[in-house]
PDB file of N, CA and C in Angstrom:
ATOM      1  N   MET A   1     -37.710 -16.724  30.362  1.00  0.00           N
ATOM      2  CA  MET A   1     -39.178 -16.423  28.349  1.00  0.00           C
ATOM      3  C   MET A   1     -39.480 -15.041  28.647  1.00  0.00           C
ATOM      4  N   SER A   2     -39.189 -14.191  27.509  1.00  0.00           N
ATOM      5  CA  SER A   2     -40.264 -13.590  27.667  1.00  0.00           C
ATOM      6  C   SER A   2     -41.040 -13.847  27.298  1.00  0.00           C
ATOM      7  N   VAL A   3     -42.051 -12.378  27.866  1.00  0.00           N
ATOM      8  CA  VAL A   3     -43.881 -13.013  27.297  1.00  0.00           C
ATOM      9  C   VAL A   3     -44.194 -13.403  26.002  1.00  0.00           C
ATOM     10  N   PRO A   4     -44.255 -12.241  24.998  1.00  0.00           N
ATOM     11  CA  PRO A   4     -43.853 -12.701  23.311  1.00  0.00           C
ATOM     12  C   PRO A   4     -43.300 -14.099  23.647  1.00  0.00           C
ATOM     13  N   SER A   5     -42.412 -14.769  23.683  1.00  0.00           N
ATOM     14  CA  SER A   5     -41.943 -15.879  23.288  1.00  0.00           C
ATOM     15  C   SER A   5     -42.775 -16.939  24.174  1.00  0.00           C
ATOM     16  N   GLU A   6     -43.889 -16.899  25.338  1.00  0.00           N
ATOM     17  CA  GLU A   6     -44.569 -17.312  26.249  1.00  0.00           C
ATOM     18  C   GLU A   6     -45.914 -17.540  25.017  1.00  0.00           C
ATOM     19  N   THR A   7     -46.426 -17.018  24.421  1.00  0.00           N
ATOM     20  CA  THR A   7     -47.215 -16.595  24.195  1.00  0.00           C
ATOM     21  C   THR A   7     -47.141 -17.144  22.537  1.00  0.00           C
ATOM     22  N   MET A   8     -45.983 -16.800  22.387  1.00  0.00           N
ATOM     23  CA  MET A   8     -45.318 -17.711  20.795  1.00  0.00           C
ATOM     24  C   MET A   8     -45.712 -19.389  20.686  1.00  0.00           C
ATOM     25  N   MET A   9     -45.347 -19.829  22.030  1.00  0.00           N
ATOM     26  CA  MET A   9     -45.087 -21.053  22.239  1.00  0.00           C
ATOM     27  C   MET A   9     -46.294 -21.368  22.977  1.00  0.00           C
ATOM     28  N   ASP A  10     -47.601 -20.659  23.206  1.00  0.00           N
ATOM     29  CA  ASP A  10     -49.022 -21.068  24.248  1.00  0.00           C
ATOM     30  C   ASP A  10     -49.662 -21.219  22.435  1.00  0.00           C
ATOM     31  N   LEU A  11     -49.008 -20.559  21.879  1.00  0.00           N
ATOM     32  CA  LEU A  11     -49.610 -20.288  19.972  1.00  0.00           C
ATOM     33  C   LEU A  11     -49.550 -21.834  19.236  1.00  0.00           C
ATOM     34  N   LEU A  12     -48.475 -21.891  19.356  1.00  0.00           N
ATOM     35  CA  LEU A  12     -47.636 -22.965  18.636  1.00  0.00           C
ATOM     36  C   LEU A  12     -48.617 -24.777  19.403  1.00  0.00           C
ATOM     37  N   LYS A  13     -48.506 -24.689  20.670  1.00  0.00           N
ATOM     38  CA  LYS A  13     -49.109 -25.390  21.400  1.00  0.00           C
ATOM     39  C   LYS A  13     -50.229 -25.909  20.972  1.00  0.00           C
ATOM     40  N   GLU A  14     -51.616 -24.485  20.928  1.00  0.00           N
ATOM     41  CA  GLU A  14     -52.425 -24.747  20.171  1.00  0.00           C
ATOM     42  C   GLU A  14     -53.183 -24.919  18.876  1.00  0.00           C
ATOM     43  N   LEU A  15     -52.170 -24.890  18.077  1.00  0.00           N
ATOM     44  CA  LEU A  15     -52.030 -25.316  16.533  1.00  0.00           C
ATOM     45  C   LEU A  15     -51.717 -26.231  17.027  1.00  0.00           C
ATOM     46  N   ALA A  16     -50.644 -27.097  17.283  1.00  0.00           N
ATOM     47  CA  ALA A  16     -50.761 -28.505  16.817  1.00  0.00           C
ATOM     48  C   ALA A  16     -51.739 -29.671  17.681  1.00  0.00           C
ATOM     49  N   LEU A  17     -52.188 -29.072  19.108  1.00  0.00           N
ATOM     50  CA  LEU A  17     -52.951 -29.809  18.949  1.00  0.00           C
ATOM     51  C   LEU A  17     -54.466 -29.444  18.507  1.00  0.00           C
ATOM     52  N   LEU A  18     -54.948 -28.424  17.490  1.00  0.00           N
ATOM     53  CA  LEU A  18     -55.845 -28.577  16.251  1.00  0.00           C
ATOM     54  C   LEU A  18     -55.359 -29.175  15.549  1.00  0.00           C
ATOM     55  N   LYS A  19     -54.397 -29.674  15.008  1.00  0.00           N
ATOM     56  CA  LYS A  19     -54.481 -30.313  13.847  1.00  0.00           C
ATOM     57  C   LYS A  19     -54.410 -32.251  14.282  1.00  0.00           C
ATOM     58  N   GLU A  20     -54.089 -32.355  16.136  1.00  0.00           N
ATOM     59  CA  GLU A  20     -54.521 -33.678  15.949  1.00  0.00           C
ATOM     60  C   GLU A  20     -56.056 -33.653  15.742  1.00  0.00           C
ATOM     61  N   LEU A  21     -56.624 -32.836  16.046  1.00  0.00           N
ATOM     62  CA  LEU A  21     -58.044 -32.967  16.627  1.00  0.00           C
ATOM     63  C   LEU A  21     -59.097 -32.903  14.769  1.00  0.00           C
ATOM     64  N   ASP A  22     -58.051 -31.713  13.919  1.00  0.00           N
ATOM     65  CA  ASP A  22     -58.392 -32.297  12.613  1.00  0.00           C
ATOM     66  C   ASP A  22     -57.459 -33.866  12.083  1.00  0.00           C
ATOM     67  N   SER A  23     -56.766 -34.403  12.373  1.00  0.00           N
ATOM     68  CA  SER A  23     -56.306 -35.324  11.757  1.00  0.00           C
ATOM     69  C   SER A  23     -57.305 -36.818  11.893  1.00  0.00           C
ATOM     70  N   LYS A  24     -57.974 -36.715  13.405  1.00  0.00           N
ATOM     71  CA  LYS A  24     -58.816 -38.027  13.774  1.00  0.00           C
ATOM     72  C   LYS A  24     -59.780 -37.459  13.053  1.00  0.00           C
ATOM     73  N   TYR A  25     -60.529 -35.760  13.129  1.00  0.00           N
ATOM     74  CA  TYR A  25     -62.125 -35.513  11.999  1.00  0.00           C
ATOM     75  C   TYR A  25     -61.287 -36.595  10.399  1.00  0.00           C
ATOM     76  N   GLU A  26     -60.157 -36.404  10.483  1.00  0.00           N
ATOM     77  CA  GLU A  26     -59.953 -36.720   8.617  1.00  0.00           C
ATOM     78  C   GLU A  26     -60.781 -37.877   9.048  1.00  0.00           C
ATOM     79  N   THR A  27     -60.529 -38.717   9.793  1.00  0.00           N
ATOM     80  CA  THR A  27     -60.218 -40.651   9.565  1.00  0.00           C
ATOM     81  C   THR A  27     -61.546 -41.132   9.196  1.00  0.00           C
ATOM     82  N   GLY A  28     -63.176 -40.434   9.965  1.00  0.00           N
ATOM     83  CA  GLY A  28     -63.750 -40.819  10.144  1.00  0.00           C
ATOM     84  C   GLY A  28     -65.689 -40.435   9.830  1.00  0.00           C
ATOM     85  N   PRO A  29     -66.595 -41.114   9.991  1.00  0.00           N
ATOM     86  CA  PRO A  29     -67.524 -39.952   9.910  1.00  0.00           C
ATOM     87  C   PRO A  29     -67.857 -39.174  10.339  1.00  0.00           C
ATOM     88  N   ARG A  30     -68.268 -37.651   9.929  1.00  0.00           N
ATOM     89  CA  ARG A  30     -68.465 -37.405  10.634  1.00  0.00           C
ATOM     90  C   ARG A  30     -70.079 -36.450  10.640  1.00  0.00           C
ATOM     91  N   SER A  31     -71.010 -36.097  12.295  1.00  0.00           N
ATOM     92  CA  SER A  31     -71.742 -35.608  12.220  1.00  0.00           C
ATOM     93  C   SER A  31     -71.938 -34.202  11.936  1.00  0.00           C
ATOM     94  N   GLU A  32     -72.640 -33.489  12.232  1.00  0.00           N
ATOM     95  CA  GLU A  32     -73.449 -32.368  11.798  1.00  0.00           C
ATOM     96  C   GLU A  32     -71.943 -31.091  12.927  1.00  0.00           C
ATOM     97  N   LEU A  33     -72.175 -32.105  14.339  1.00  0.00           N
ATOM     98  CA  LEU A  33     -71.332 -31.287  15.156  1.00  0.00           C
ATOM     99  C   LEU A  33     -69.832 -31.872  14.672  1.00  0.00           C
ATOM    100  N   GLU A  34     -69.935 -32.264  14.333  1.00  0.00           N
ATOM    101  CA  GLU A  34     -68.160 -32.691  14.042  1.00  0.00           C
ATOM    102  C   GLU A  34     -67.788 -31.570  13.048  1.00  0.00           C
ATOM    103  N   VAL A  35     -68.862 -31.369  12.078  1.00  0.00           N
ATOM    104  CA  VAL A  35     -68.580 -30.401  10.837  1.00  0.00           C
ATOM    105  C   VAL A  35     -68.248 -29.552  11.283  1.00  0.00           C
ATOM    106  N   SER A  36     -69.315 -28.847  12.373  1.00  0.00           N
ATOM    107  CA  SER A  36     -69.113 -27.682  13.129  1.00  0.00           C
ATOM    108  C   SER A  36     -68.360 -26.969  14.113  1.00  0.00           C
ATOM    109  N   GLU A  37     -67.512 -28.278  15.205  1.00  0.00           N
ATOM    110  CA  GLU A  37     -66.588 -28.271  15.421  1.00  0.00           C
ATOM    111  C   GLU A  37     -65.123 -27.880  15.068  1.00  0.00           C
ATOM    112  N   PHE A  38     -64.970 -28.550  14.092  1.00  0.00           N
ATOM    113  CA  PHE A  38     -63.445 -28.822  12.538  1.00  0.00           C
ATOM    114  C   PHE A  38     -63.912 -27.279  11.643  1.00  0.00           C
ATOM    115  N   ASP A  39     -65.151 -26.736  11.365  1.00  0.00           N
ATOM    116  CA  ASP A  39     -64.869 -24.970  11.202  1.00  0.00           C
ATOM    117  C   ASP A  39     -64.820 -24.262  12.312  1.00  0.00           C
ATOM    118  N   LYS A  40     -65.050 -24.546  13.975  1.00  0.00           N
ATOM    119  CA  LYS A  40     -64.713 -23.594  15.107  1.00  0.00           C
ATOM    120  C   LYS A  40     -62.831 -23.346  15.067  1.00  0.00           C
ATOM    121  N   ARG A  41     -62.219 -25.029  14.462  1.00  0.00           N
ATOM    122  CA  ARG A  41     -60.843 -24.644  14.733  1.00  0.00           C
ATOM    123  C   ARG A  41     -60.474 -24.701  13.452  1.00  0.00           C
ATOM    124  N   GLN A  42     -60.632 -24.180  12.526  1.00  0.00           N
ATOM    125  CA  GLN A  42     -60.232 -23.361  11.234  1.00  0.00           C
ATOM    126  C   GLN A  42     -59.869 -21.682  11.473  1.00  0.00           C
ATOM    127  N   ASN A  43     -60.947 -21.389  11.380  1.00  0.00           N
ATOM    128  CA  ASN A  43     -61.641 -20.024  12.580  1.00  0.00           C
ATOM    129  C   ASN A  43     -60.584 -19.830  13.166  1.00  0.00           C
ATOM    130  N   ARG A  44     -60.439 -21.015  14.577  1.00  0.00           N
ATOM    131  CA  ARG A  44     -59.743 -20.002  15.341  1.00  0.00           C
ATOM    132  C   ARG A  44     -58.065 -20.399  15.043  1.00  0.00           C
ATOM    133  N   ARG A  45     -57.620 -21.251  14.261  1.00  0.00           N
ATOM    134  CA  ARG A  45     -56.461 -21.552  12.792  1.00  0.00           C
ATOM    135  C   ARG A  45     -55.909 -19.644  12.181  1.00  0.00           C
ATOM    136  N   ARG A  46     -57.276 -19.625  11.529  1.00  0.00           N
ATOM    137  CA  ARG A  46     -56.808 -18.082  10.872  1.00  0.00           C
ATOM    138  C   ARG A  46     -56.744 -16.970  12.176  1.00  0.00           C
ATOM    139  N   GLU A  47     -57.028 -17.187  13.624  1.00  0.00           N
ATOM    140  CA  GLU A  47     -56.774 -16.657  14.268  1.00  0.00           C
ATOM    141  C   GLU A  47     -55.598 -16.134  15.238  1.00  0.00           C
ATOM    142  N   ILE A  48     -54.791 -17.369  15.405  1.00  0.00           N
ATOM    143  CA  ILE A  48     -53.530 -18.059  15.402  1.00  0.00           C
ATOM    144  C   ILE A  48     -52.396 -17.369  14.513  1.00  0.00           C
ATOM    145  N   ALA A  49     -52.924 -17.788  13.295  1.00  0.00           N
ATOM    146  CA  ALA A  49     -52.109 -17.331  12.889  1.00  0.00           C
ATOM    147  C   ALA A  49     -52.226 -15.921  12.252  1.00  0.00           C
ATOM    148  N   ASP A  50     -52.967 -15.135  12.400  1.00  0.00           N
ATOM    149  CA  ASP A  50     -52.601 -13.633  12.298  1.00  0.00           C
ATOM    150  C   ASP A  50     -52.217 -12.888  13.686  1.00  0.00           C
ATOM    151  N   GLN A  51     -52.476 -13.916  15.104  1.00  0.00           N
ATOM    152  CA  GLN A  51     -51.419 -13.895  16.463  1.00  0.00           C
ATOM    153  C   GLN A  51     -50.430 -13.295  16.287  1.00  0.00           C
ATOM    154  N   ILE A  52     -49.540 -14.328  15.746  1.00  0.00           N
ATOM    155  CA  ILE A  52     -48.045 -15.070  15.903  1.00  0.00           C
ATOM    156  C   ILE A  52     -47.854 -14.254  14.988  1.00  0.00           C
ATOM    157  N   LYS A  53     -49.027 -13.420  13.865  1.00  0.00           N
ATOM    158  CA  LYS A  53     -47.357 -12.656  12.853  1.00  0.00           C
ATOM    159  C   LYS A  53     -47.211 -11.358  13.457  1.00  0.00           C
ATOM    160  N   ALA A  54     -48.994 -11.278  13.527  1.00  0.00           N
ATOM    161  CA  ALA A  54     -48.261  -9.392  14.124  1.00  0.00           C
ATOM    162  C   ALA A  54     -47.095 -10.095  15.888  1.00  0.00           C
ATOM    163  N   LEU A  55     -47.112 -10.827  16.484  1.00  0.00           N
ATOM    164  CA  LEU A  55     -45.723 -10.679  16.846  1.00  0.00           C
ATOM    165  C   LEU A  55     -44.536 -10.516  16.184  1.00  0.00           C
ATOM    166  N   GLY A  56     -44.507 -11.568  15.257  1.00  0.00           N
ATOM    167  CA  GLY A  56     -43.443 -11.455  14.344  1.00  0.00           C
ATOM    168  C   GLY A  56     -42.929  -9.931  13.828  1.00  0.00           C
ATOM    169  N   GLU A  57     -44.086  -9.181  13.905  1.00  0.00           N
ATOM    170  CA  GLU A  57     -44.430  -8.130  12.649  1.00  0.00           C
ATOM    171  C   GLU A  57     -43.648  -7.012  13.608  1.00  0.00           C
ATOM    172  N   ASN A  58     -44.151  -7.411  15.112  1.00  0.00           N
ATOM    173  CA  ASN A  58     -43.594  -6.369  16.726  1.00  0.00           C
ATOM    174  C   ASN A  58     -42.034  -6.808  16.867  1.00  0.00           C
ATOM    175  N   GLY A  59     -41.575  -7.954  16.939  1.00  0.00           N
ATOM    176  CA  GLY A  59     -40.063  -8.006  17.104  1.00  0.00           C
ATOM    177  C   GLY A  59     -40.544  -8.935  18.253  1.00  0.00           C
ATOM    178  N   GLY A  60     -41.380  -9.698  18.490  1.00  0.00           N
ATOM    179  CA  GLY A  60     -41.570 -10.403  19.553  1.00  0.00           C
ATOM    180  C   GLY A  60     -41.241 -12.068  18.821  1.00  0.00           C
TER     181      GLY A  60
END
């Protein structure tokens, strides 16, 4: 597997993990720490989307 493909797979795995954590967040009461962690996951999700887009544009 090429490096861009491996990178893409790693990013997709991370997105799946973030989605799982978010589903747990949505089902219960939220502390300030949980809200902060959710915000960090949202930011990371945007970063991953940008990285995936860049990989796609570069033919990866």
